[in-house]
Amino acid sequence: MVPLVGGSLIESEVVSVHVYLYSMVDGTSAGWTGILYRILEHEADIGFEVYGKDEADLFANAATVLFSLITDLDRVETRLKREVAVADSEVLLVVFLNELLYVWDVERFIPKRLSVRVKNGRVHADLEGEILDPERHPVRKEIKAVTYHKFAVQEEEGALKARVYLDI
């Protein structure tokens, strides 16, 4: 499980978000690491670039950035569990992030921790978090959708990098 932790919203700033990683094999902790991402300027939307060592890591890190833009994840507790599963061969990351936004829109569920598995064009995520409490979780940005505009995933220096734009 990966606890999601909030980050800065300053455009064009490179941000490191610290996340405590749990081994998916034996459940032991693997220690602290950082998620490096950059907010991208856009005239009407907001975008970000995010990195991961593999697809599952990239998806978890992208979810971290997405929800850190919505609210302060340091204030979210792990009271409830949800599951998200999607399949798409072309743009799986966009479909996955939009499914997370759907859960947010319908239930106001904010994931604090997630475990992601990606295989054969399918992603499955176990989420832990809670329902929005406006007193503890001020909404920073209301995000309508993850778009296909300028979306890209590429390998860069042994890691995966995704560029994602959000309709706000």
C-alpha atoms as a PDB file:
ATOM      1  CA  MET A   1       0.000   0.000   0.000  1.00  0.00           C
ATOM      2  CA  VAL A   2       1.240   3.494  -0.823  1.00  0.00           C
ATOM      3  CA  PRO A   3       0.109   6.327   1.460  1.00  0.00           C
ATOM      4  CA  LEU A   4      -0.563   9.393  -0.633  1.00  0.00           C
ATOM      5  CA  VAL A   5       0.944  12.634   0.638  1.00  0.00           C
ATOM      6  CA  GLY A   6       0.163  16.191  -0.493  1.00  0.00           C
ATOM      7  CA  GLY A   7       2.424  18.522  -2.438  1.00  0.00           C
ATOM      8  CA  SER A   8       2.721  22.075  -3.676  1.00  0.00           C
ATOM      9  CA  LEU A   9       0.444  23.643  -6.296  1.00  0.00           C
ATOM     10  CA  ILE A  10       2.887  26.226  -7.639  1.00  0.00           C
ATOM     11  CA  GLU A  11       2.932  26.002 -11.434  1.00  0.00           C
ATOM     12  CA  SER A  12       6.180  24.926 -13.117  1.00  0.00           C
ATOM     13  CA  GLU A  13       7.729  24.043  -9.777  1.00  0.00           C
ATOM     14  CA  VAL A  14       9.405  20.673  -9.448  1.00  0.00           C
ATOM     15  CA  VAL A  15       7.978  19.040  -6.362  1.00  0.00           C
ATOM     16  CA  SER A  16       9.078  16.042  -4.364  1.00  0.00           C
ATOM     17  CA  VAL A  17       6.331  14.259  -2.467  1.00  0.00           C
ATOM     18  CA  HIS A  18       7.433  11.739   0.126  1.00  0.00           C
ATOM     19  CA  VAL A  19       5.581   8.461   0.174  1.00  0.00           C
ATOM     20  CA  TYR A  20       6.008   5.487   2.470  1.00  0.00           C
ATOM     21  CA  LEU A  21       6.125   2.364   0.334  1.00  0.00           C
ATOM     22  CA  TYR A  22       4.990  -1.065   1.496  1.00  0.00           C
ATOM     23  CA  SER A  23       6.239  -4.196  -0.192  1.00  0.00           C
ATOM     24  CA  MET A  24       3.427  -5.893  -2.107  1.00  0.00           C
ATOM     25  CA  VAL A  25       5.079  -9.304  -1.692  1.00  0.00           C
ATOM     26  CA  ASP A  26       5.505  -9.748   2.056  1.00  0.00           C
ATOM     27  CA  GLY A  27       3.897  -6.625   3.545  1.00  0.00           C
ATOM     28  CA  THR A  28       7.110  -5.319   5.112  1.00  0.00           C
ATOM     29  CA  SER A  29       7.976  -1.675   4.760  1.00  0.00           C
ATOM     30  CA  ALA A  30      10.468  -0.710   2.095  1.00  0.00           C
ATOM     31  CA  GLY A  31      11.226   2.762   3.541  1.00  0.00           C
ATOM     32  CA  TRP A  32      10.667   6.353   2.476  1.00  0.00           C
ATOM     33  CA  THR A  33      11.123   7.485  -1.061  1.00  0.00           C
ATOM     34  CA  GLY A  34      10.190  10.584  -3.019  1.00  0.00           C
ATOM     35  CA  ILE A  35       7.849  11.112  -5.935  1.00  0.00           C
ATOM     36  CA  LEU A  36       9.215  13.680  -8.288  1.00  0.00           C
ATOM     37  CA  TYR A  37       6.660  15.556 -10.324  1.00  0.00           C
ATOM     38  CA  ARG A  38       6.333  18.876 -12.068  1.00  0.00           C
ATOM     39  CA  ILE A  39       3.214  20.994 -12.503  1.00  0.00           C
ATOM     40  CA  LEU A  40       2.820  22.094 -16.132  1.00  0.00           C
ATOM     41  CA  GLU A  41       1.433  25.446 -17.186  1.00  0.00           C
ATOM     42  CA  HIS A  42      -1.593  25.498 -19.472  1.00  0.00           C
ATOM     43  CA  GLU A  43      -4.003  28.291 -20.381  1.00  0.00           C
ATOM     44  CA  ALA A  44      -7.206  26.559 -19.220  1.00  0.00           C
ATOM     45  CA  ASP A  45      -6.206  23.315 -17.532  1.00  0.00           C
ATOM     46  CA  ILE A  46      -3.495  22.058 -15.220  1.00  0.00           C
ATOM     47  CA  GLY A  47      -1.001  19.371 -16.072  1.00  0.00           C
ATOM     48  CA  PHE A  48       1.775  17.392 -14.479  1.00  0.00           C
ATOM     49  CA  GLU A  49       4.667  15.132 -15.321  1.00  0.00           C
ATOM     50  CA  VAL A  50       5.267  12.223 -12.993  1.00  0.00           C
ATOM     51  CA  TYR A  51       7.739   9.338 -12.855  1.00  0.00           C
ATOM     52  CA  GLY A  52       7.655   5.698 -11.783  1.00  0.00           C
ATOM     53  CA  LYS A  53      10.075   2.787 -11.806  1.00  0.00           C
ATOM     54  CA  ASP A  54       7.418   0.595 -13.500  1.00  0.00           C
ATOM     55  CA  GLU A  55       3.770   0.847 -14.553  1.00  0.00           C
ATOM     56  CA  ALA A  56       2.341   0.125 -11.094  1.00  0.00           C
ATOM     57  CA  ASP A  57       4.633   2.725  -9.508  1.00  0.00           C
ATOM     58  CA  LEU A  58       3.773   5.266 -12.211  1.00  0.00           C
ATOM     59  CA  PHE A  59       0.029   4.733 -11.707  1.00  0.00           C
ATOM     60  CA  ALA A  60       0.331   5.055  -7.903  1.00  0.00           C
ATOM     61  CA  ASN A  61       2.462   8.191  -8.241  1.00  0.00           C
ATOM     62  CA  ALA A  62       0.037   9.759 -10.738  1.00  0.00           C
ATOM     63  CA  ALA A  63      -2.845   9.096  -8.329  1.00  0.00           C
ATOM     64  CA  THR A  64      -0.781  10.743  -5.583  1.00  0.00           C
ATOM     65  CA  VAL A  65      -0.314  13.881  -7.660  1.00  0.00           C
ATOM     66  CA  LEU A  66      -3.969  13.928  -8.760  1.00  0.00           C
ATOM     67  CA  PHE A  67      -5.332  13.823  -5.210  1.00  0.00           C
ATOM     68  CA  SER A  68      -2.665  16.157  -3.806  1.00  0.00           C
ATOM     69  CA  LEU A  69      -4.015  18.732  -6.263  1.00  0.00           C
ATOM     70  CA  ILE A  70      -7.534  18.158  -4.896  1.00  0.00           C
ATOM     71  CA  THR A  71      -6.797  18.325  -1.154  1.00  0.00           C
ATOM     72  CA  ASP A  72      -4.141  18.028   1.545  1.00  0.00           C
ATOM     73  CA  LEU A  73      -3.571  14.289   1.803  1.00  0.00           C
ATOM     74  CA  ASP A  74      -1.723  14.621   5.106  1.00  0.00           C
ATOM     75  CA  ARG A  75      -5.140  15.230   6.704  1.00  0.00           C
ATOM     76  CA  VAL A  76      -6.806  12.137   5.227  1.00  0.00           C
ATOM     77  CA  GLU A  77      -7.219   9.021   7.373  1.00  0.00           C
ATOM     78  CA  THR A  78      -7.568   5.388   6.293  1.00  0.00           C
ATOM     79  CA  ARG A  79     -11.073   4.625   7.550  1.00  0.00           C
ATOM     80  CA  LEU A  80     -12.630   2.977   4.462  1.00  0.00           C
ATOM     81  CA  LYS A  81     -11.583   0.688   1.624  1.00  0.00           C
ATOM     82  CA  ARG A  82     -12.480   0.762  -2.057  1.00  0.00           C
ATOM     83  CA  GLU A  83     -11.415  -1.186  -5.137  1.00  0.00           C
ATOM     84  CA  VAL A  84     -10.951   0.136  -8.640  1.00  0.00           C
ATOM     85  CA  ALA A  85     -10.364  -2.080 -11.678  1.00  0.00           C
ATOM     86  CA  VAL A  86     -10.216  -0.956 -15.307  1.00  0.00           C
ATOM     87  CA  ALA A  87      -9.010  -2.326 -18.642  1.00  0.00           C
ATOM     88  CA  ASP A  88      -7.841  -0.516 -21.763  1.00  0.00           C
ATOM     89  CA  SER A  89      -4.935  -1.307 -24.027  1.00  0.00           C
ATOM     90  CA  GLU A  90      -4.153   2.198 -25.300  1.00  0.00           C
ATOM     91  CA  VAL A  91      -4.510   4.781 -22.541  1.00  0.00           C
ATOM     92  CA  LEU A  92      -4.810   2.785 -19.343  1.00  0.00           C
ATOM     93  CA  LEU A  93      -3.414   5.540 -17.116  1.00  0.00           C
ATOM     94  CA  VAL A  94      -6.026   8.076 -18.308  1.00  0.00           C
ATOM     95  CA  VAL A  95      -8.847   5.555 -17.826  1.00  0.00           C
ATOM     96  CA  PHE A  96      -7.536   4.635 -14.350  1.00  0.00           C
ATOM     97  CA  LEU A  97      -7.240   8.246 -13.179  1.00  0.00           C
ATOM     98  CA  ASN A  98     -10.704   9.049 -14.537  1.00  0.00           C
ATOM     99  CA  GLU A  99     -12.102   6.070 -12.625  1.00  0.00           C
ATOM    100  CA  LEU A 100     -10.515   7.447  -9.436  1.00  0.00           C
ATOM    101  CA  LEU A 101     -12.129  10.820 -10.205  1.00  0.00           C
ATOM    102  CA  TYR A 102     -15.469   9.053 -10.685  1.00  0.00           C
ATOM    103  CA  VAL A 103     -15.192   7.544  -7.197  1.00  0.00           C
ATOM    104  CA  TRP A 104     -14.268  11.028  -5.902  1.00  0.00           C
ATOM    105  CA  ASP A 105     -17.207  12.669  -7.722  1.00  0.00           C
ATOM    106  CA  VAL A 106     -19.818  10.108  -6.649  1.00  0.00           C
ATOM    107  CA  GLU A 107     -18.707   9.320  -3.094  1.00  0.00           C
ATOM    108  CA  ARG A 108     -16.268  12.153  -2.305  1.00  0.00           C
ATOM    109  CA  PHE A 109     -13.853   9.349  -1.393  1.00  0.00           C
ATOM    110  CA  ILE A 110     -10.228  10.467  -0.968  1.00  0.00           C
ATOM    111  CA  PRO A 111      -7.613   7.705  -1.158  1.00  0.00           C
ATOM    112  CA  LYS A 112      -4.753   7.953   1.312  1.00  0.00           C
ATOM    113  CA  ARG A 113      -3.121   4.601   0.499  1.00  0.00           C
ATOM    114  CA  LEU A 114      -3.257   2.477  -2.583  1.00  0.00           C
ATOM    115  CA  SER A 115      -1.827  -0.739  -3.900  1.00  0.00           C
ATOM    116  CA  VAL A 116      -1.706  -0.934  -7.698  1.00  0.00           C
ATOM    117  CA  ARG A 117      -1.204  -3.920  -9.976  1.00  0.00           C
ATOM    118  CA  VAL A 118      -0.908  -3.529 -13.748  1.00  0.00           C
ATOM    119  CA  LYS A 119      -0.891  -6.524 -16.082  1.00  0.00           C
ATOM    120  CA  ASN A 120      -2.005  -7.246 -19.653  1.00  0.00           C
ATOM    121  CA  GLY A 121      -3.803  -3.932 -20.203  1.00  0.00           C
ATOM    122  CA  ARG A 122      -5.622  -4.122 -16.869  1.00  0.00           C
ATOM    123  CA  VAL A 123      -5.121  -2.226 -13.636  1.00  0.00           C
ATOM    124  CA  HIS A 124      -6.434  -3.142 -10.203  1.00  0.00           C
ATOM    125  CA  ALA A 125      -6.066  -0.826  -7.210  1.00  0.00           C
ATOM    126  CA  ASP A 126      -6.971  -1.345  -3.568  1.00  0.00           C
ATOM    127  CA  LEU A 127      -7.653   2.019  -1.966  1.00  0.00           C
ATOM    128  CA  GLU A 128      -7.776   3.107   1.664  1.00  0.00           C
ATOM    129  CA  GLY A 129      -8.979   6.535   2.679  1.00  0.00           C
ATOM    130  CA  GLU A 130     -12.088   8.360   3.777  1.00  0.00           C
ATOM    131  CA  ILE A 131     -15.038  10.429   2.645  1.00  0.00           C
ATOM    132  CA  LEU A 132     -14.455  14.172   2.327  1.00  0.00           C
ATOM    133  CA  ASP A 133     -14.907  16.117   5.558  1.00  0.00           C
ATOM    134  CA  PRO A 134     -15.010  19.790   4.470  1.00  0.00           C
ATOM    135  CA  GLU A 135     -13.702  20.925   7.849  1.00  0.00           C
ATOM    136  CA  ARG A 136     -10.556  18.777   7.568  1.00  0.00           C
ATOM    137  CA  HIS A 137     -10.204  18.480   3.788  1.00  0.00           C
ATOM    138  CA  PRO A 138     -10.479  21.843   2.046  1.00  0.00           C
ATOM    139  CA  VAL A 139     -10.798  21.318  -1.701  1.00  0.00           C
ATOM    140  CA  ARG A 140      -7.901  23.049  -3.461  1.00  0.00           C
ATOM    141  CA  LYS A 141      -9.017  22.375  -7.032  1.00  0.00           C
ATOM    142  CA  GLU A 142     -12.145  20.751  -8.377  1.00  0.00           C
ATOM    143  CA  ILE A 143     -10.961  18.527 -11.211  1.00  0.00           C
ATOM    144  CA  LYS A 144     -13.524  17.555 -13.860  1.00  0.00           C
ATOM    145  CA  ALA A 145     -11.553  14.967 -15.826  1.00  0.00           C
ATOM    146  CA  VAL A 146      -8.215  13.625 -16.925  1.00  0.00           C
ATOM    147  CA  THR A 147      -7.883  14.541 -20.603  1.00  0.00           C
ATOM    148  CA  TYR A 148      -6.196  12.964 -23.607  1.00  0.00           C
ATOM    149  CA  HIS A 149      -4.720  16.366 -24.528  1.00  0.00           C
ATOM    150  CA  LYS A 150      -0.918  15.998 -24.822  1.00  0.00           C
ATOM    151  CA  PHE A 151      -1.084  12.733 -22.851  1.00  0.00           C
ATOM    152  CA  ALA A 152       2.111  10.712 -23.140  1.00  0.00           C
ATOM    153  CA  VAL A 153       3.932   7.897 -21.393  1.00  0.00           C
ATOM    154  CA  GLN A 154       7.550   7.272 -22.278  1.00  0.00           C
ATOM    155  CA  GLU A 155      10.634   5.620 -20.911  1.00  0.00           C
ATOM    156  CA  GLU A 156      13.305   8.037 -19.758  1.00  0.00           C
ATOM    157  CA  GLU A 157      16.608   7.039 -18.149  1.00  0.00           C
ATOM    158  CA  GLY A 158      15.330   3.655 -16.950  1.00  0.00           C
ATOM    159  CA  ALA A 159      12.054   4.999 -15.545  1.00  0.00           C
ATOM    160  CA  LEU A 160       8.609   5.717 -16.942  1.00  0.00           C
ATOM    161  CA  LYS A 161       7.438   9.312 -17.307  1.00  0.00           C
ATOM    162  CA  ALA A 162       3.840  10.356 -17.876  1.00  0.00           C
ATOM    163  CA  ARG A 163       2.511  13.746 -18.939  1.00  0.00           C
ATOM    164  CA  VAL A 164      -1.094  14.242 -17.842  1.00  0.00           C
ATOM    165  CA  TYR A 165      -3.462  17.205 -18.252  1.00  0.00           C
ATOM    166  CA  LEU A 166      -6.563  17.754 -16.136  1.00  0.00           C
ATOM    167  CA  ASP A 167      -9.737  19.649 -17.007  1.00  0.00           C
ATOM    168  CA  ILE A 168     -10.481  21.994 -14.101  1.00  0.00           C
END
